[in-house]
Amino acid sequence: MKFNTSSLSDLFLQLGLSNLSEEEKANYLEEWSAIVEGRIMARVISGLSEEEQTSLESLSDNEVTSFVQEHVLNLEGIVLDEVMKFREEMIGDSQYIKGQLDK
C-alpha cells in the first residue's frame, strides 16, 4: 500500500543527510517508506475482523489498496499518525546518536 512520501523527504535535512546523492536519498526514501507502509498495514490489519483479514490475504496489491480504502474509515489518520511517529523516532534517534558521539 503506497502513500505520499513527500512527508518524509525533508528528513534528509533534519537528519543532516542533505549532502547525499539523489540515488542515496532515493534508496533511503524507499527503505523508510517500506517501514512506514508496514506499520500502516499492521494497524489496518489489527482493526479488521477475522473475516476481513481472511479476505485481505487473497488479494493482489492493487486489490489490497482498494479493500483498505473501502473498509478502513480512518485510513488517512492512520497514515498521518504512522508517518509522524516514524519522523519523531528518526529525529530522536539521530539526536541521541549525535549526543553519544559528542561525549
PDB file of N, CA and C in Angstrom:
ATOM      1  N   MET A   1       0.836  -1.162   0.000  1.00  0.00           N
ATOM      2  CA  MET A   1       0.000   0.000   0.000  1.00  0.00           C
ATOM      3  C   MET A   1       0.887   1.234   0.000  1.00  0.00           C
ATOM      4  N   LYS A   2       0.760   2.057  -0.979  1.00  0.00           N
ATOM      5  CA  LYS A   2       1.617   3.225  -1.147  1.00  0.00           C
ATOM      6  C   LYS A   2       0.998   4.461  -0.507  1.00  0.00           C
ATOM      7  N   PHE A   3       1.845   5.383  -0.092  1.00  0.00           N
ATOM      8  CA  PHE A   3       1.402   6.672   0.427  1.00  0.00           C
ATOM      9  C   PHE A   3       2.345   7.725  -0.125  1.00  0.00           C
ATOM     10  N   ASN A   4       1.985   8.979   0.037  1.00  0.00           N
ATOM     11  CA  ASN A   4       2.786  10.084  -0.472  1.00  0.00           C
ATOM     12  C   ASN A   4       4.046  10.223   0.388  1.00  0.00           C
ATOM     13  N   THR A   5       5.205  10.003  -0.207  1.00  0.00           N
ATOM     14  CA  THR A   5       6.456  10.014   0.548  1.00  0.00           C
ATOM     15  C   THR A   5       7.030  11.417   0.747  1.00  0.00           C
ATOM     16  N   SER A   6       6.372  12.437   0.211  1.00  0.00           N
ATOM     17  CA  SER A   6       6.901  13.794   0.355  1.00  0.00           C
ATOM     18  C   SER A   6       7.011  14.199   1.825  1.00  0.00           C
ATOM     19  N   SER A   7       6.181  13.599   2.683  1.00  0.00           N
ATOM     20  CA  SER A   7       6.232  13.921   4.107  1.00  0.00           C
ATOM     21  C   SER A   7       7.490  13.378   4.781  1.00  0.00           C
ATOM     22  N   LEU A   8       8.231  12.524   4.085  1.00  0.00           N
ATOM     23  CA  LEU A   8       9.483  12.003   4.630  1.00  0.00           C
ATOM     24  C   LEU A   8      10.702  12.694   4.015  1.00  0.00           C
ATOM     25  N   SER A   9      10.515  13.382   2.906  1.00  0.00           N
ATOM     26  CA  SER A   9      11.633  13.945   2.153  1.00  0.00           C
ATOM     27  C   SER A   9      12.455  14.956   2.930  1.00  0.00           C
ATOM     28  N   ASP A  10      11.820  15.766   3.771  1.00  0.00           N
ATOM     29  CA  ASP A  10      12.584  16.778   4.498  1.00  0.00           C
ATOM     30  C   ASP A  10      13.384  16.195   5.665  1.00  0.00           C
ATOM     31  N   LEU A  11      13.235  14.910   5.903  1.00  0.00           N
ATOM     32  CA  LEU A  11      14.033  14.267   6.944  1.00  0.00           C
ATOM     33  C   LEU A  11      15.524  14.323   6.623  1.00  0.00           C
ATOM     34  N   PHE A  12      15.867  14.348   5.351  1.00  0.00           N
ATOM     35  CA  PHE A  12      17.278  14.393   4.985  1.00  0.00           C
ATOM     36  C   PHE A  12      17.953  15.623   5.596  1.00  0.00           C
ATOM     37  N   LEU A  13      17.290  16.754   5.514  1.00  0.00           N
ATOM     38  CA  LEU A  13      17.832  17.983   6.086  1.00  0.00           C
ATOM     39  C   LEU A  13      17.869  17.888   7.610  1.00  0.00           C
ATOM     40  N   GLN A  14      16.788  17.426   8.211  1.00  0.00           N
ATOM     41  CA  GLN A  14      16.703  17.343   9.668  1.00  0.00           C
ATOM     42  C   GLN A  14      17.691  16.343  10.259  1.00  0.00           C
ATOM     43  N   LEU A  15      18.048  15.327   9.469  1.00  0.00           N
ATOM     44  CA  LEU A  15      18.980  14.312   9.954  1.00  0.00           C
ATOM     45  C   LEU A  15      20.423  14.602   9.554  1.00  0.00           C
ATOM     46  N   GLY A  16      20.643  15.720   8.872  1.00  0.00           N
ATOM     47  CA  GLY A  16      21.993  16.060   8.432  1.00  0.00           C
ATOM     48  C   GLY A  16      22.462  15.230   7.251  1.00  0.00           C
ATOM     49  N   LEU A  17      21.512  14.755   6.443  1.00  0.00           N
ATOM     50  CA  LEU A  17      21.841  13.897   5.303  1.00  0.00           C
ATOM     51  C   LEU A  17      21.601  14.584   3.960  1.00  0.00           C
ATOM     52  N   SER A  18      21.506  15.889   3.967  1.00  0.00           N
ATOM     53  CA  SER A  18      21.174  16.605   2.734  1.00  0.00           C
ATOM     54  C   SER A  18      22.283  16.528   1.685  1.00  0.00           C
ATOM     55  N   ASN A  19      23.498  16.154   2.090  1.00  0.00           N
ATOM     56  CA  ASN A  19      24.604  16.060   1.132  1.00  0.00           C
ATOM     57  C   ASN A  19      24.655  14.724   0.390  1.00  0.00           C
ATOM     58  N   LEU A  20      23.742  13.816   0.696  1.00  0.00           N
ATOM     59  CA  LEU A  20      23.707  12.532  -0.002  1.00  0.00           C
ATOM     60  C   LEU A  20      23.360  12.742  -1.474  1.00  0.00           C
ATOM     61  N   SER A  21      23.804  11.816  -2.307  1.00  0.00           N
ATOM     62  CA  SER A  21      23.443  11.879  -3.725  1.00  0.00           C
ATOM     63  C   SER A  21      21.950  11.590  -3.867  1.00  0.00           C
ATOM     64  N   GLU A  22      21.401  11.959  -5.002  1.00  0.00           N
ATOM     65  CA  GLU A  22      19.978  11.698  -5.249  1.00  0.00           C
ATOM     66  C   GLU A  22      19.686  10.201  -5.212  1.00  0.00           C
ATOM     67  N   GLU A  23      20.627   9.404  -5.687  1.00  0.00           N
ATOM     68  CA  GLU A  23      20.443   7.946  -5.671  1.00  0.00           C
ATOM     69  C   GLU A  23      20.392   7.425  -4.232  1.00  0.00           C
ATOM     70  N   GLU A  24      21.292   7.931  -3.387  1.00  0.00           N
ATOM     71  CA  GLU A  24      21.294   7.512  -1.986  1.00  0.00           C
ATOM     72  C   GLU A  24      20.012   7.953  -1.287  1.00  0.00           C
ATOM     73  N   LYS A  25      19.570   9.173  -1.571  1.00  0.00           N
ATOM     74  CA  LYS A  25      18.323   9.654  -0.982  1.00  0.00           C
ATOM     75  C   LYS A  25      17.148   8.787  -1.420  1.00  0.00           C
ATOM     76  N   ALA A  26      17.115   8.427  -2.693  1.00  0.00           N
ATOM     77  CA  ALA A  26      16.033   7.578  -3.205  1.00  0.00           C
ATOM     78  C   ALA A  26      16.041   6.228  -2.498  1.00  0.00           C
ATOM     79  N   ASN A  27      17.231   5.681  -2.253  1.00  0.00           N
ATOM     80  CA  ASN A  27      17.330   4.395  -1.553  1.00  0.00           C
ATOM     81  C   ASN A  27      16.816   4.493  -0.122  1.00  0.00           C
ATOM     82  N   TYR A  28      17.230   5.555   0.574  1.00  0.00           N
ATOM     83  CA  TYR A  28      16.735   5.751   1.937  1.00  0.00           C
ATOM     84  C   TYR A  28      15.230   5.951   1.946  1.00  0.00           C
ATOM     85  N   LEU A  29      14.734   6.770   1.038  1.00  0.00           N
ATOM     86  CA  LEU A  29      13.304   7.039   0.972  1.00  0.00           C
ATOM     87  C   LEU A  29      12.516   5.756   0.732  1.00  0.00           C
ATOM     88  N   GLU A  30      13.053   4.886  -0.098  1.00  0.00           N
ATOM     89  CA  GLU A  30      12.410   3.596  -0.364  1.00  0.00           C
ATOM     90  C   GLU A  30      12.374   2.745   0.901  1.00  0.00           C
ATOM     91  N   GLU A  31      13.495   2.703   1.621  1.00  0.00           N
ATOM     92  CA  GLU A  31      13.552   1.922   2.860  1.00  0.00           C
ATOM     93  C   GLU A  31      12.606   2.491   3.916  1.00  0.00           C
ATOM     94  N   TRP A  32      12.634   3.810   4.083  1.00  0.00           N
ATOM     95  CA  TRP A  32      11.769   4.439   5.074  1.00  0.00           C
ATOM     96  C   TRP A  32      10.305   4.216   4.730  1.00  0.00           C
ATOM     97  N   SER A  33       9.985   4.317   3.453  1.00  0.00           N
ATOM     98  CA  SER A  33       8.599   4.115   3.014  1.00  0.00           C
ATOM     99  C   SER A  33       8.135   2.701   3.318  1.00  0.00           C
ATOM    100  N   ALA A  34       9.005   1.725   3.085  1.00  0.00           N
ATOM    101  CA  ALA A  34       8.654   0.332   3.362  1.00  0.00           C
ATOM    102  C   ALA A  34       8.368   0.132   4.849  1.00  0.00           C
ATOM    103  N   ILE A  35       9.155   0.771   5.697  1.00  0.00           N
ATOM    104  CA  ILE A  35       8.939   0.663   7.143  1.00  0.00           C
ATOM    105  C   ILE A  35       7.584   1.257   7.527  1.00  0.00           C
ATOM    106  N   VAL A  36       7.315   2.457   7.029  1.00  0.00           N
ATOM    107  CA  VAL A  36       6.052   3.129   7.363  1.00  0.00           C
ATOM    108  C   VAL A  36       4.867   2.347   6.800  1.00  0.00           C
ATOM    109  N   GLU A  37       4.985   1.860   5.577  1.00  0.00           N
ATOM    110  CA  GLU A  37       3.901   1.080   4.979  1.00  0.00           C
ATOM    111  C   GLU A  37       3.624  -0.176   5.793  1.00  0.00           C
ATOM    112  N   GLY A  38       4.674  -0.818   6.279  1.00  0.00           N
ATOM    113  CA  GLY A  38       4.487  -2.000   7.126  1.00  0.00           C
ATOM    114  C   GLY A  38       3.739  -1.672   8.405  1.00  0.00           C
ATOM    115  N   ARG A  39       4.080  -0.546   8.997  1.00  0.00           N
ATOM    116  CA  ARG A  39       3.401  -0.121  10.226  1.00  0.00           C
ATOM    117  C   ARG A  39       1.933   0.222   9.959  1.00  0.00           C
ATOM    118  N   ILE A  40       1.698   0.882   8.834  1.00  0.00           N
ATOM    119  CA  ILE A  40       0.313   1.223   8.469  1.00  0.00           C
ATOM    120  C   ILE A  40      -0.500  -0.051   8.303  1.00  0.00           C
ATOM    121  N   MET A  41       0.039  -1.012   7.561  1.00  0.00           N
ATOM    122  CA  MET A  41      -0.693  -2.256   7.321  1.00  0.00           C
ATOM    123  C   MET A  41      -0.917  -3.035   8.610  1.00  0.00           C
ATOM    124  N   ALA A  42       0.049  -3.010   9.510  1.00  0.00           N
ATOM    125  CA  ALA A  42      -0.119  -3.711  10.787  1.00  0.00           C
ATOM    126  C   ALA A  42      -1.294  -3.110  11.563  1.00  0.00           C
ATOM    127  N   ARG A  43      -1.388  -1.800  11.575  1.00  0.00           N
ATOM    128  CA  ARG A  43      -2.514  -1.150  12.262  1.00  0.00           C
ATOM    129  C   ARG A  43      -3.827  -1.422  11.561  1.00  0.00           C
ATOM    130  N   VAL A  44      -3.805  -1.372  10.231  1.00  0.00           N
ATOM    131  CA  VAL A  44      -5.024  -1.636   9.470  1.00  0.00           C
ATOM    132  C   VAL A  44      -5.517  -3.053   9.757  1.00  0.00           C
ATOM    133  N   ILE A  45      -4.625  -4.013   9.670  1.00  0.00           N
ATOM    134  CA  ILE A  45      -4.999  -5.418   9.868  1.00  0.00           C
ATOM    135  C   ILE A  45      -5.531  -5.649  11.279  1.00  0.00           C
ATOM    136  N   SER A  46      -4.895  -5.011  12.264  1.00  0.00           N
ATOM    137  CA  SER A  46      -5.355  -5.212  13.649  1.00  0.00           C
ATOM    138  C   SER A  46      -6.763  -4.669  13.864  1.00  0.00           C
ATOM    139  N   GLY A  47      -7.203  -3.756  13.020  1.00  0.00           N
ATOM    140  CA  GLY A  47      -8.539  -3.195  13.158  1.00  0.00           C
ATOM    141  C   GLY A  47      -9.604  -3.910  12.354  1.00  0.00           C
ATOM    142  N   LEU A  48      -9.210  -4.919  11.579  1.00  0.00           N
ATOM    143  CA  LEU A  48     -10.169  -5.658  10.755  1.00  0.00           C
ATOM    144  C   LEU A  48     -10.706  -6.868  11.502  1.00  0.00           C
ATOM    145  N   SER A  49     -11.893  -7.287  11.129  1.00  0.00           N
ATOM    146  CA  SER A  49     -12.453  -8.521  11.686  1.00  0.00           C
ATOM    147  C   SER A  49     -11.674  -9.707  11.113  1.00  0.00           C
ATOM    148  N   GLU A  50     -11.839 -10.873  11.716  1.00  0.00           N
ATOM    149  CA  GLU A  50     -11.156 -12.070  11.207  1.00  0.00           C
ATOM    150  C   GLU A  50     -11.587 -12.363   9.772  1.00  0.00           C
ATOM    151  N   GLU A  51     -12.859 -12.158   9.489  1.00  0.00           N
ATOM    152  CA  GLU A  51     -13.382 -12.392   8.139  1.00  0.00           C
ATOM    153  C   GLU A  51     -12.721 -11.441   7.130  1.00  0.00           C
ATOM    154  N   GLU A  52     -12.604 -10.175   7.520  1.00  0.00           N
ATOM    155  CA  GLU A  52     -11.964  -9.197   6.636  1.00  0.00           C
ATOM    156  C   GLU A  52     -10.482  -9.511   6.452  1.00  0.00           C
ATOM    157  N   GLN A  53      -9.823  -9.959   7.517  1.00  0.00           N
ATOM    158  CA  GLN A  53      -8.410 -10.328   7.423  1.00  0.00           C
ATOM    159  C   GLN A  53      -8.228 -11.496   6.460  1.00  0.00           C
ATOM    160  N   THR A  54      -9.119 -12.470   6.529  1.00  0.00           N
ATOM    161  CA  THR A  54      -9.057 -13.617   5.624  1.00  0.00           C
ATOM    162  C   THR A  54      -9.268 -13.169   4.183  1.00  0.00           C
ATOM    163  N   SER A  55     -10.204 -12.282   3.959  1.00  0.00           N
ATOM    164  CA  SER A  55     -10.447 -11.755   2.614  1.00  0.00           C
ATOM    165  C   SER A  55      -9.228 -11.016   2.090  1.00  0.00           C
ATOM    166  N   LEU A  56      -8.594 -10.268   2.937  1.00  0.00           N
ATOM    167  CA  LEU A  56      -7.435  -9.463   2.563  1.00  0.00           C
ATOM    168  C   LEU A  56      -6.263 -10.327   2.101  1.00  0.00           C
ATOM    169  N   GLU A  57      -6.088 -11.483   2.723  1.00  0.00           N
ATOM    170  CA  GLU A  57      -4.959 -12.367   2.410  1.00  0.00           C
ATOM    171  C   GLU A  57      -4.952 -12.849   0.965  1.00  0.00           C
ATOM    172  N   SER A  58      -6.118 -12.933   0.343  1.00  0.00           N
ATOM    173  CA  SER A  58      -6.195 -13.489  -1.004  1.00  0.00           C
ATOM    174  C   SER A  58      -6.157 -12.428  -2.103  1.00  0.00           C
ATOM    175  N   LEU A  59      -5.927 -11.164  -1.739  1.00  0.00           N
ATOM    176  CA  LEU A  59      -5.990 -10.081  -2.721  1.00  0.00           C
ATOM    177  C   LEU A  59      -4.612  -9.714  -3.274  1.00  0.00           C
ATOM    178  N   SER A  60      -4.609  -9.189  -4.496  1.00  0.00           N
ATOM    179  CA  SER A  60      -3.380  -8.659  -5.087  1.00  0.00           C
ATOM    180  C   SER A  60      -3.095  -7.297  -4.459  1.00  0.00           C
ATOM    181  N   ASP A  61      -1.909  -6.739  -4.726  1.00  0.00           N
ATOM    182  CA  ASP A  61      -1.540  -5.442  -4.154  1.00  0.00           C
ATOM    183  C   ASP A  61      -2.548  -4.351  -4.507  1.00  0.00           C
ATOM    184  N   ASN A  62      -2.957  -4.292  -5.775  1.00  0.00           N
ATOM    185  CA  ASN A  62      -3.926  -3.271  -6.188  1.00  0.00           C
ATOM    186  C   ASN A  62      -5.264  -3.475  -5.483  1.00  0.00           C
ATOM    187  N   GLU A  63      -5.665  -4.712  -5.342  1.00  0.00           N
ATOM    188  CA  GLU A  63      -6.928  -5.014  -4.667  1.00  0.00           C
ATOM    189  C   GLU A  63      -6.856  -4.686  -3.175  1.00  0.00           C
ATOM    190  N   VAL A  64      -5.668  -4.881  -2.583  1.00  0.00           N
ATOM    191  CA  VAL A  64      -5.489  -4.576  -1.164  1.00  0.00           C
ATOM    192  C   VAL A  64      -5.736  -3.091  -0.925  1.00  0.00           C
ATOM    193  N   THR A  65      -5.161  -2.250  -1.774  1.00  0.00           N
ATOM    194  CA  THR A  65      -5.342  -0.806  -1.623  1.00  0.00           C
ATOM    195  C   THR A  65      -6.816  -0.433  -1.676  1.00  0.00           C
ATOM    196  N   SER A  66      -7.529  -0.961  -2.654  1.00  0.00           N
ATOM    197  CA  SER A  66      -8.967  -0.679  -2.773  1.00  0.00           C
ATOM    198  C   SER A  66      -9.733  -1.193  -1.563  1.00  0.00           C
ATOM    199  N   PHE A  67      -9.409  -2.405  -1.140  1.00  0.00           N
ATOM    200  CA  PHE A  67     -10.074  -3.017   0.011  1.00  0.00           C
ATOM    201  C   PHE A  67      -9.882  -2.157   1.256  1.00  0.00           C
ATOM    202  N   VAL A  68      -8.645  -1.751   1.487  1.00  0.00           N
ATOM    203  CA  VAL A  68      -8.335  -0.961   2.678  1.00  0.00           C
ATOM    204  C   VAL A  68      -9.061   0.382   2.623  1.00  0.00           C
ATOM    205  N   GLN A  69      -9.038   1.035   1.482  1.00  0.00           N
ATOM    206  CA  GLN A  69      -9.721   2.320   1.352  1.00  0.00           C
ATOM    207  C   GLN A  69     -11.219   2.181   1.604  1.00  0.00           C
ATOM    208  N   GLU A  70     -11.767   1.046   1.234  1.00  0.00           N
ATOM    209  CA  GLU A  70     -13.202   0.806   1.407  1.00  0.00           C
ATOM    210  C   GLU A  70     -13.565   0.425   2.846  1.00  0.00           C
ATOM    211  N   HIS A  71     -12.698  -0.343   3.510  1.00  0.00           N
ATOM    212  CA  HIS A  71     -13.042  -0.908   4.817  1.00  0.00           C
ATOM    213  C   HIS A  71     -12.458  -0.164   6.018  1.00  0.00           C
ATOM    214  N   VAL A  72     -11.517   0.727   5.792  1.00  0.00           N
ATOM    215  CA  VAL A  72     -10.882   1.424   6.918  1.00  0.00           C
ATOM    216  C   VAL A  72     -11.275   2.897   6.861  1.00  0.00           C
ATOM    217  N   LEU A  73     -12.156   3.280   7.759  1.00  0.00           N
ATOM    218  CA  LEU A  73     -12.710   4.629   7.733  1.00  0.00           C
ATOM    219  C   LEU A  73     -11.696   5.706   8.087  1.00  0.00           C
ATOM    220  N   ASN A  74     -10.766   5.412   8.964  1.00  0.00           N
ATOM    221  CA  ASN A  74      -9.803   6.414   9.422  1.00  0.00           C
ATOM    222  C   ASN A  74      -8.411   6.189   8.804  1.00  0.00           C
ATOM    223  N   LEU A  75      -8.367   5.718   7.577  1.00  0.00           N
ATOM    224  CA  LEU A  75      -7.085   5.401   6.935  1.00  0.00           C
ATOM    225  C   LEU A  75      -6.159   6.611   6.892  1.00  0.00           C
ATOM    226  N   GLU A  76      -6.680   7.757   6.512  1.00  0.00           N
ATOM    227  CA  GLU A  76      -5.833   8.955   6.418  1.00  0.00           C
ATOM    228  C   GLU A  76      -5.210   9.288   7.777  1.00  0.00           C
ATOM    229  N   GLY A  77      -5.981   9.140   8.831  1.00  0.00           N
ATOM    230  CA  GLY A  77      -5.471   9.392  10.179  1.00  0.00           C
ATOM    231  C   GLY A  77      -4.383   8.409  10.565  1.00  0.00           C
ATOM    232  N   ILE A  78      -4.570   7.146  10.204  1.00  0.00           N
ATOM    233  CA  ILE A  78      -3.561   6.122  10.489  1.00  0.00           C
ATOM    234  C   ILE A  78      -2.274   6.443   9.746  1.00  0.00           C
ATOM    235  N   VAL A  79      -2.393   6.801   8.476  1.00  0.00           N
ATOM    236  CA  VAL A  79      -1.215   7.126   7.666  1.00  0.00           C
ATOM    237  C   VAL A  79      -0.472   8.309   8.281  1.00  0.00           C
ATOM    238  N   LEU A  80      -1.193   9.378   8.575  1.00  0.00           N
ATOM    239  CA  LEU A  80      -0.556  10.564   9.163  1.00  0.00           C
ATOM    240  C   LEU A  80       0.104  10.235  10.499  1.00  0.00           C
ATOM    241  N   ASP A  81      -0.566   9.456  11.320  1.00  0.00           N
ATOM    242  CA  ASP A  81      -0.037   9.087  12.626  1.00  0.00           C
ATOM    243  C   ASP A  81       1.256   8.288  12.490  1.00  0.00           C
ATOM    244  N   GLU A  82       1.262   7.297  11.607  1.00  0.00           N
ATOM    245  CA  GLU A  82       2.450   6.456  11.449  1.00  0.00           C
ATOM    246  C   GLU A  82       3.620   7.221  10.824  1.00  0.00           C
ATOM    247  N   VAL A  83       3.330   8.123   9.903  1.00  0.00           N
ATOM    248  CA  VAL A  83       4.395   8.947   9.324  1.00  0.00           C
ATOM    249  C   VAL A  83       5.002   9.843  10.406  1.00  0.00           C
ATOM    250  N   MET A  84       4.155  10.464  11.206  1.00  0.00           N
ATOM    251  CA  MET A  84       4.657  11.343  12.262  1.00  0.00           C
ATOM    252  C   MET A  84       5.454  10.565  13.307  1.00  0.00           C
ATOM    253  N   LYS A  85       4.989   9.390  13.688  1.00  0.00           N
ATOM    254  CA  LYS A  85       5.730   8.562  14.645  1.00  0.00           C
ATOM    255  C   LYS A  85       7.110   8.213  14.096  1.00  0.00           C
ATOM    256  N   PHE A  86       7.157   7.822  12.819  1.00  0.00           N
ATOM    257  CA  PHE A  86       8.430   7.457  12.211  1.00  0.00           C
ATOM    258  C   PHE A  86       9.379   8.652  12.204  1.00  0.00           C
ATOM    259  N   ARG A  87       8.863   9.816  11.794  1.00  0.00           N
ATOM    260  CA  ARG A  87       9.689  11.038  11.753  1.00  0.00           C
ATOM    261  C   ARG A  87      10.248  11.345  13.143  1.00  0.00           C
ATOM    262  N   GLU A  88       9.390  11.287  14.150  1.00  0.00           N
ATOM    263  CA  GLU A  88       9.820  11.581  15.514  1.00  0.00           C
ATOM    264  C   GLU A  88      10.881  10.591  15.984  1.00  0.00           C
ATOM    265  N   GLU A  89      10.709   9.318  15.662  1.00  0.00           N
ATOM    266  CA  GLU A  89      11.685   8.295  16.040  1.00  0.00           C
ATOM    267  C   GLU A  89      13.029   8.551  15.362  1.00  0.00           C
ATOM    268  N   MET A  90      12.990   8.849  14.069  1.00  0.00           N
ATOM    269  CA  MET A  90      14.232   9.087  13.325  1.00  0.00           C
ATOM    270  C   MET A  90      14.969  10.304  13.878  1.00  0.00           C
ATOM    271  N   ILE A  91      14.245  11.379  14.121  1.00  0.00           N
ATOM    272  CA  ILE A  91      14.864  12.598  14.644  1.00  0.00           C
ATOM    273  C   ILE A  91      15.399  12.351  16.059  1.00  0.00           C
ATOM    274  N   GLY A  92      14.602  11.672  16.876  1.00  0.00           N
ATOM    275  CA  GLY A  92      15.038  11.343  18.236  1.00  0.00           C
ATOM    276  C   GLY A  92      16.273  10.456  18.248  1.00  0.00           C
ATOM    277  N   ASP A  93      16.276   9.449  17.396  1.00  0.00           N
ATOM    278  CA  ASP A  93      17.425   8.555  17.323  1.00  0.00           C
ATOM    279  C   ASP A  93      18.676   9.302  16.867  1.00  0.00           C
ATOM    280  N   SER A  94      18.514  10.183  15.881  1.00  0.00           N
ATOM    281  CA  SER A  94      19.687  10.915  15.384  1.00  0.00           C
ATOM    282  C   SER A  94      20.224  11.860  16.453  1.00  0.00           C
ATOM    283  N   GLN A  95      19.339  12.471  17.234  1.00  0.00           N
ATOM    284  CA  GLN A  95      19.789  13.358  18.311  1.00  0.00           C
ATOM    285  C   GLN A  95      20.505  12.566  19.397  1.00  0.00           C
ATOM    286  N   TYR A  96      19.999  11.378  19.697  1.00  0.00           N
ATOM    287  CA  TYR A  96      20.643  10.518  20.692  1.00  0.00           C
ATOM    288  C   TYR A  96      22.040  10.125  20.219  1.00  0.00           C
ATOM    289  N   ILE A  97      22.138   9.695  18.967  1.00  0.00           N
ATOM    290  CA  ILE A  97      23.430   9.279  18.418  1.00  0.00           C
ATOM    291  C   ILE A  97      24.405  10.451  18.420  1.00  0.00           C
ATOM    292  N   LYS A  98      23.935  11.606  17.983  1.00  0.00           N
ATOM    293  CA  LYS A  98      24.784  12.798  17.976  1.00  0.00           C
ATOM    294  C   LYS A  98      25.274  13.108  19.385  1.00  0.00           C
ATOM    295  N   GLY A  99      24.388  13.006  20.360  1.00  0.00           N
ATOM    296  CA  GLY A  99      24.770  13.247  21.752  1.00  0.00           C
ATOM    297  C   GLY A  99      25.809  12.265  22.241  1.00  0.00           C
ATOM    298  N   GLN A 100      25.680  11.010  21.844  1.00  0.00           N
ATOM    299  CA  GLN A 100      26.652   9.998  22.238  1.00  0.00           C
ATOM    300  C   GLN A 100      28.005  10.248  21.586  1.00  0.00           C
ATOM    301  N   LEU A 101      27.983  10.704  20.349  1.00  0.00           N
ATOM    302  CA  LEU A 101      29.238  10.978  19.639  1.00  0.00           C
ATOM    303  C   LEU A 101      29.941  12.224  20.171  1.00  0.00           C
ATOM    304  N   ASP A 102      29.163  13.151  20.706  1.00  0.00           N
ATOM    305  CA  ASP A 102      29.736  14.401  21.233  1.00  0.00           C
ATOM    306  C   ASP A 102      30.354  14.233  22.607  1.00  0.00           C
ATOM    307  N   LYS A 103      30.149  13.090  23.253  1.00  0.00           N
ATOM    308  CA  LYS A 103      30.681  12.872  24.615  1.00  0.00           C
ATOM    309  C   LYS A 103      32.172  12.745  24.594  1.00  0.00           C
TER     310      LYS A 103
END
